[in-house]
Amino acid sequence: MSGPLAPTPSGPAPVLLARGVGKVYQSRGAAGGPRVANHDLHLRLDAGEVVALLGPNGAGKTTFLRQVAGQLLPTSGSIVVAGVDIVAEPLEAKRFLSVIPQECQPMQELTVEEQIRGFARLKGVPAASLDATVEEILRDVGLVAERGQIVRELSGGFKRRVLIAVAMASATPRLMLLDEPTTGLDPEARRQVWSVIRGLRRRGLGILLTTHYIEEAEILADRVVIISGGRFTVSGTVEEIRNRLPYRGRLIVLRADRLTAAGAEAVRALETRWRVTLREPSTIWFEVPDPFDRDTVGELARLASLGVQASLRPVSLEDAYLTVVGTPEALV
């Protein structure tokens, strides 16, 4: 098996193992040919691990989640959830799955506790352990004080917590799939949901989430997978992905349209040394090999002496993401 996400043969059994997964849609029209939604995707996800799928709209994030959830059959490859093939034994595999789609809403007229209790019974939680299970879930998602509230009276962040609680209401949860879990939430509510997801990780659940928010991937994920054009282009920890860039920092010149003659000449001189990755009327971004070495810091000081407003910063996951999405071969 090849590819950046090929699973390792050693260690405990993963909660998710995808090998060579692909999806091709056959066109029904005479003019169009087959459309490849995703291709040759490999992913191993272990218990207590959070993996974030990061990519633009149409990259294939939700398609892959639907394949893992057993909602969309793959054209090729295999998907194994907690040791069970999702295609060959979908009902058995789904016993270990909890899924929260992006557009999902909780039942508005039930109380928080009624909703959790009802889904726990539907998902096979034994009657003898039902009360204890509900109490544990309420504590884990921070809904003890809201247990008696009608769901429609809750804020968006609390409603998202109710969805996560319902997804946890299972006798055998092993893997949770979260599709854009904080879309539409304000910053405070988003951080509340992040806290809940961290708690699920500590409980030992494997979590696969999709997101548009780079900050969310940086904060939550043990590993980030960047998907572009239906392919897993790059994966690793945030630090590993940053280190695969051919540069280590950026020098950013501000108010580039208001430079003195001496300042403009100094900036032009930098263009002979360092690559320009962004040029706008008021901003110029340079790639620098090391934002903290003496030579680079010296250049920053020289610019300042000429009245040039500039700053240095190390590369970020956003830099890597934009590099991959723009030119996928850059980090392969």
Protein backbone atom coordinates (compact mmCIF):
# COMPACT_ATOMS: atom_id res chain seq x y z
CA MET A 1 0.00 0.00 0.00
CA SER A 2 1.26 3.46 -0.81
CA GLY A 3 0.27 7.02 -0.05
CA PRO A 4 0.80 9.44 2.82
CA LEU A 5 -1.91 7.87 4.94
CA ALA A 6 -1.10 4.19 4.63
CA PRO A 7 -1.82 2.59 8.04
CA THR A 8 0.92 1.07 10.10
CA PRO A 9 0.67 -2.68 10.75
CA SER A 10 1.58 -2.51 14.44
CA GLY A 11 -0.24 -1.23 17.51
CA PRO A 12 -3.81 -1.69 18.77
CA ALA A 13 -6.67 -2.11 16.34
CA PRO A 14 -7.88 1.24 14.98
CA VAL A 15 -11.45 2.49 15.30
CA LEU A 16 -11.33 3.42 11.61
CA LEU A 17 -9.27 1.95 8.82
CA ALA A 18 -9.88 3.15 5.28
CA ARG A 19 -7.88 1.60 2.44
CA GLY A 20 -7.90 2.87 -1.14
CA VAL A 21 -11.38 4.40 -0.85
CA GLY A 22 -12.79 6.01 -3.98
CA LYS A 23 -16.10 7.20 -5.37
CA VAL A 24 -16.90 7.64 -9.05
CA TYR A 25 -20.27 8.88 -10.28
CA GLN A 26 -21.37 7.74 -13.71
CA SER A 27 -22.90 10.52 -15.77
CA ARG A 28 -26.41 9.89 -17.04
CA GLY A 29 -26.08 12.38 -19.87
CA ALA A 30 -24.61 11.64 -23.26
CA ALA A 31 -22.07 14.45 -23.03
CA GLY A 32 -20.53 13.87 -19.63
CA GLY A 33 -18.15 11.14 -18.54
CA PRO A 34 -17.49 9.67 -15.11
CA ARG A 35 -16.96 12.17 -12.28
CA VAL A 36 -14.42 11.25 -9.61
CA ALA A 37 -15.58 12.48 -6.18
CA ASN A 38 -12.61 11.03 -4.31
CA HIS A 39 -9.78 8.65 -5.10
CA ASP A 40 -7.41 6.27 -3.28
CA LEU A 41 -8.01 7.57 0.23
CA HIS A 42 -6.15 5.90 3.10
CA LEU A 43 -6.75 6.74 6.73
CA ARG A 44 -6.13 5.11 10.09
CA LEU A 45 -7.75 6.63 13.18
CA ASP A 46 -7.10 5.27 16.66
CA ALA A 47 -9.11 5.42 19.88
CA GLY A 48 -8.70 8.75 21.66
CA GLU A 49 -7.46 10.48 18.51
CA VAL A 50 -8.93 13.49 16.70
CA VAL A 51 -8.33 13.80 12.97
CA ALA A 52 -9.48 16.93 11.13
CA LEU A 53 -10.25 16.95 7.42
CA LEU A 54 -9.46 20.41 6.12
CA GLY A 55 -10.33 21.51 2.60
CA PRO A 56 -12.31 23.92 0.42
CA ASN A 57 -15.91 23.44 -0.63
CA GLY A 58 -16.24 20.56 -3.06
CA ALA A 59 -12.93 18.97 -2.03
CA GLY A 60 -14.61 15.73 -0.90
CA LYS A 61 -14.76 16.08 2.89
CA THR A 62 -18.45 15.30 3.31
CA THR A 63 -18.33 12.58 0.65
CA PHE A 64 -15.71 10.71 2.66
CA LEU A 65 -17.64 11.15 5.90
CA ARG A 66 -20.77 9.74 4.25
CA GLN A 67 -18.75 6.76 3.02
CA VAL A 68 -17.41 6.09 6.52
CA ALA A 69 -20.94 6.43 7.94
CA GLY A 70 -22.29 3.83 5.51
CA GLN A 71 -24.53 6.39 3.80
CA LEU A 72 -22.65 6.29 0.49
CA LEU A 73 -21.14 3.12 -0.95
CA PRO A 74 -17.55 3.48 -2.14
CA THR A 75 -16.78 2.51 -5.71
CA SER A 76 -13.45 1.07 -4.60
CA GLY A 77 -11.54 0.29 -1.44
CA SER A 78 -12.66 -0.78 2.01
CA ILE A 79 -13.76 0.92 5.23
CA VAL A 80 -13.53 -0.90 8.56
CA VAL A 81 -15.09 0.58 11.73
CA ALA A 82 -14.03 -1.00 15.03
CA GLY A 83 -13.05 -4.15 13.17
CA VAL A 84 -16.28 -4.40 11.13
CA ASP A 85 -16.52 -3.76 7.39
CA ILE A 86 -19.08 -0.99 6.88
CA VAL A 87 -20.08 -2.28 3.43
CA ALA A 88 -20.27 -6.00 4.25
CA GLU A 89 -21.89 -5.60 7.69
CA PRO A 90 -23.39 -2.11 7.86
CA LEU A 91 -25.78 -2.71 10.76
CA GLU A 92 -23.07 -4.22 12.94
CA ALA A 93 -20.56 -1.48 12.06
CA LYS A 94 -23.07 1.28 12.80
CA ARG A 95 -23.37 0.04 16.39
CA PHE A 96 -19.97 1.62 16.95
CA LEU A 97 -20.66 4.84 14.99
CA SER A 98 -22.06 8.19 16.05
CA VAL A 99 -22.72 10.72 13.29
CA ILE A 100 -23.62 14.42 13.43
CA PRO A 101 -24.31 15.85 9.95
CA GLN A 102 -23.73 19.53 9.30
CA GLU A 103 -27.41 20.48 8.90
CA CYS A 104 -28.75 18.29 11.73
CA GLN A 105 -31.02 19.80 14.39
CA PRO A 106 -32.18 18.31 17.71
CA MET A 107 -35.87 17.78 18.42
CA GLN A 108 -37.07 21.19 19.53
CA GLU A 109 -40.00 20.29 21.79
CA LEU A 110 -38.28 17.75 24.04
CA THR A 111 -36.21 18.55 27.08
CA VAL A 112 -32.49 17.91 26.94
CA GLU A 113 -32.75 14.86 29.17
CA GLU A 114 -35.77 13.42 27.33
CA GLN A 115 -33.88 13.61 24.08
CA ILE A 116 -30.75 11.89 25.41
CA ARG A 117 -32.75 9.24 27.25
CA GLY A 118 -34.92 8.47 24.23
CA PHE A 119 -32.01 8.02 21.85
CA ALA A 120 -30.10 5.94 24.38
CA ARG A 121 -33.03 3.51 24.53
CA LEU A 122 -33.28 3.43 20.73
CA LYS A 123 -29.57 2.67 20.47
CA GLY A 124 -29.74 -0.29 22.82
CA VAL A 125 -28.47 1.05 26.13
CA PRO A 126 -29.69 -1.54 28.70
CA ALA A 127 -32.43 -0.37 31.05
CA ALA A 128 -30.28 -1.25 34.06
CA SER A 129 -27.58 1.21 33.03
CA LEU A 130 -29.79 3.86 31.35
CA ASP A 131 -29.87 6.33 34.26
CA ALA A 132 -26.11 6.13 34.79
CA THR A 133 -25.46 6.54 31.05
CA VAL A 134 -27.66 9.63 30.81
CA GLU A 135 -25.99 11.20 33.88
CA GLU A 136 -22.54 10.54 32.49
CA ILE A 137 -23.40 12.09 29.12
CA LEU A 138 -24.96 15.17 30.72
CA ARG A 139 -21.78 15.69 32.76
CA ASP A 140 -19.46 15.07 29.82
CA VAL A 141 -21.13 17.64 27.53
CA GLY A 142 -21.84 20.17 30.28
CA LEU A 143 -25.63 20.00 30.19
CA VAL A 144 -26.45 19.05 33.78
CA ALA A 145 -27.96 22.46 34.55
CA GLU A 146 -29.94 22.45 31.27
CA ARG A 147 -31.30 18.91 31.58
CA GLY A 148 -34.89 20.05 32.10
CA GLN A 149 -34.93 22.82 29.51
CA ILE A 150 -36.90 22.60 26.27
CA VAL A 151 -34.37 22.40 23.44
CA ARG A 152 -35.93 25.21 21.37
CA GLU A 153 -35.15 27.62 24.24
CA LEU A 154 -31.41 26.91 24.05
CA SER A 155 -28.76 28.90 22.20
CA GLY A 156 -27.08 27.56 19.09
CA GLY A 157 -24.03 26.41 21.03
CA PHE A 158 -26.10 24.47 23.55
CA LYS A 159 -28.18 22.90 20.77
CA ARG A 160 -24.93 21.65 19.21
CA ARG A 161 -24.00 20.16 22.58
CA VAL A 162 -27.37 18.37 22.65
CA LEU A 163 -26.57 16.84 19.23
CA ILE A 164 -23.22 15.61 20.52
CA ALA A 165 -24.93 14.20 23.62
CA VAL A 166 -27.44 12.34 21.45
CA ALA A 167 -24.60 10.95 19.33
CA MET A 168 -22.93 9.67 22.52
CA ALA A 169 -26.13 7.95 23.68
CA SER A 170 -25.07 4.50 22.59
CA ALA A 171 -24.12 1.28 24.28
CA THR A 172 -20.93 0.90 22.26
CA PRO A 173 -19.64 4.26 20.94
CA ARG A 174 -16.19 3.99 19.37
CA LEU A 175 -16.06 6.50 16.50
CA MET A 176 -17.73 9.90 16.16
CA LEU A 177 -18.11 11.71 12.82
CA LEU A 178 -18.62 15.48 13.02
CA ASP A 179 -19.35 17.39 9.81
CA GLU A 180 -18.54 21.09 10.29
CA PRO A 181 -19.45 20.93 14.01
CA THR A 182 -19.16 24.67 14.70
CA THR A 183 -20.43 26.22 11.47
CA GLY A 184 -22.66 29.20 12.20
CA LEU A 185 -21.71 29.47 15.88
CA ASP A 186 -20.35 32.61 17.49
CA PRO A 187 -16.77 32.47 18.85
CA GLU A 188 -17.84 31.75 22.44
CA ALA A 189 -20.20 28.93 21.43
CA ARG A 190 -17.53 27.50 19.14
CA ARG A 191 -15.09 27.26 22.03
CA GLN A 192 -17.72 25.59 24.18
CA VAL A 193 -18.14 22.90 21.54
CA TRP A 194 -14.35 22.53 21.33
CA SER A 195 -14.29 21.84 25.06
CA VAL A 196 -16.88 19.09 24.63
CA ILE A 197 -14.90 17.51 21.77
CA ARG A 198 -11.76 17.48 23.93
CA GLY A 199 -13.75 15.71 26.62
CA LEU A 200 -14.86 13.03 24.16
CA ARG A 201 -11.26 12.51 23.16
CA ARG A 202 -10.29 12.01 26.80
CA ARG A 203 -13.03 9.35 27.05
CA GLY A 204 -11.24 7.40 24.34
CA LEU A 205 -13.52 8.08 21.38
CA GLY A 206 -11.96 8.35 17.96
CA ILE A 207 -13.19 11.54 16.29
CA LEU A 208 -13.14 12.41 12.60
CA LEU A 209 -14.30 15.94 11.88
CA THR A 210 -14.47 18.18 8.84
CA THR A 211 -13.94 21.90 9.13
CA HIS A 212 -13.38 25.09 7.15
CA TYR A 213 -11.74 26.71 10.17
CA ILE A 214 -7.96 26.36 10.20
CA GLU A 215 -7.83 27.51 13.83
CA GLU A 216 -10.27 24.71 14.75
CA ALA A 217 -8.04 22.09 13.15
CA GLU A 218 -4.94 23.50 14.88
CA ILE A 219 -6.57 23.49 18.32
CA LEU A 220 -8.47 20.18 18.24
CA ALA A 221 -6.67 17.77 15.97
CA ASP A 222 -3.91 15.31 16.77
CA ARG A 223 -3.51 15.03 13.01
CA VAL A 224 -4.69 17.20 10.15
CA VAL A 225 -5.50 15.84 6.70
CA ILE A 226 -5.68 18.36 3.88
CA ILE A 227 -7.99 17.21 1.11
CA SER A 228 -7.95 18.81 -2.34
CA GLY A 229 -9.59 17.58 -5.51
CA GLY A 230 -10.87 14.43 -3.82
CA ARG A 231 -7.41 13.33 -2.66
CA PHE A 232 -5.72 13.34 0.72
CA THR A 233 -2.81 15.55 -0.29
CA VAL A 234 -0.96 15.97 3.00
CA SER A 235 -1.38 14.63 6.54
CA GLY A 236 0.43 14.85 9.84
CA THR A 237 0.57 16.90 13.00
CA VAL A 238 0.39 20.66 12.58
CA GLU A 239 4.12 20.88 13.22
CA GLU A 240 4.92 18.14 10.70
CA ILE A 241 2.86 19.85 8.01
CA ARG A 242 4.46 23.23 8.68
CA ASN A 243 7.91 21.70 8.52
CA ARG A 244 7.26 20.32 5.04
CA LEU A 245 7.10 23.81 3.61
CA PRO A 246 10.33 24.91 1.87
CA TYR A 247 10.50 28.04 4.06
CA ARG A 248 10.11 28.68 7.78
CA GLY A 249 8.71 32.18 8.03
CA ARG A 250 7.29 35.28 6.42
CA LEU A 251 8.41 38.88 6.37
CA ILE A 252 5.35 41.06 5.80
CA VAL A 253 5.70 44.64 4.57
CA LEU A 254 2.73 46.86 5.41
CA ARG A 255 1.71 50.14 3.78
CA ALA A 256 3.82 49.24 0.78
CA ASP A 257 2.04 51.96 -1.23
CA ARG A 258 3.29 54.66 1.15
CA LEU A 259 7.02 53.93 1.20
CA THR A 260 9.70 56.58 0.97
CA ALA A 261 12.11 56.33 -1.93
CA ALA A 262 14.74 54.77 0.35
CA GLY A 263 12.20 52.34 1.81
CA ALA A 264 10.97 51.29 -1.63
CA GLU A 265 14.54 50.67 -2.76
CA ALA A 266 15.23 48.50 0.31
CA VAL A 267 12.09 46.44 -0.32
CA ARG A 268 13.04 45.95 -3.99
CA ALA A 269 16.45 44.72 -2.87
CA LEU A 270 14.77 42.03 -0.74
CA GLU A 271 13.02 40.71 -3.85
CA THR A 272 16.40 39.60 -5.19
CA ARG A 273 16.93 37.47 -2.06
CA TRP A 274 13.52 36.17 -1.02
CA ARG A 275 10.49 34.98 -2.94
CA VAL A 276 7.39 37.16 -2.94
CA THR A 277 4.25 35.09 -2.28
CA LEU A 278 1.72 37.92 -2.07
CA ARG A 279 1.79 41.36 -3.62
CA GLU A 280 -1.03 43.81 -3.10
CA PRO A 281 -1.02 47.60 -3.32
CA SER A 282 -0.48 47.95 0.42
CA THR A 283 1.07 44.59 1.41
CA ILE A 284 4.00 42.43 0.31
CA TRP A 285 4.73 38.97 1.75
CA PHE A 286 8.21 37.43 1.51
CA GLU A 287 9.19 33.84 2.23
CA VAL A 288 12.20 33.73 4.56
CA PRO A 289 14.30 30.67 5.46
CA ASP A 290 14.29 31.44 9.20
CA PRO A 291 12.32 34.30 10.78
CA PHE A 292 14.52 34.29 13.88
CA ASP A 293 18.08 34.16 12.55
CA ARG A 294 20.36 37.19 12.90
CA ASP A 295 20.39 38.07 9.22
CA THR A 296 16.59 38.12 8.87
CA VAL A 297 16.06 40.09 12.08
CA GLY A 298 18.77 42.49 10.89
CA GLU A 299 16.85 43.11 7.67
CA LEU A 300 13.73 43.86 9.70
CA ALA A 301 15.66 46.38 11.78
CA ARG A 302 17.10 48.00 8.63
CA LEU A 303 13.63 48.38 7.16
CA ALA A 304 12.41 49.95 10.38
CA SER A 305 15.26 52.48 10.27
CA LEU A 306 13.98 53.53 6.83
CA GLY A 307 10.43 53.98 8.05
CA VAL A 308 9.13 50.71 6.57
CA GLN A 309 6.45 48.99 8.65
CA ALA A 310 7.18 45.26 8.57
CA SER A 311 6.88 42.19 10.76
CA LEU A 312 8.24 38.63 10.97
CA ARG A 313 6.30 35.50 11.86
CA PRO A 314 6.84 31.73 11.60
CA VAL A 315 4.85 29.72 9.07
CA SER A 316 1.38 28.59 10.09
CA LEU A 317 -0.99 25.81 9.14
CA GLU A 318 -2.80 28.38 7.02
CA ASP A 319 0.37 28.90 4.97
CA ALA A 320 0.62 25.16 4.39
CA TYR A 321 -3.09 24.88 3.59
CA LEU A 322 -2.96 27.65 0.99
CA THR A 323 0.14 26.11 -0.56
CA VAL A 324 -1.51 22.70 -0.83
CA VAL A 325 -4.86 23.90 -2.11
CA GLY A 326 -3.20 26.16 -4.65
CA THR A 327 -0.50 23.70 -5.78
CA PRO A 328 -1.02 20.23 -4.27
CA GLU A 329 2.30 18.91 -5.52
CA ALA A 330 4.17 21.40 -3.33
CA LEU A 331 4.04 19.26 -0.20
CA VAL A 332 3.69 15.72 -1.56
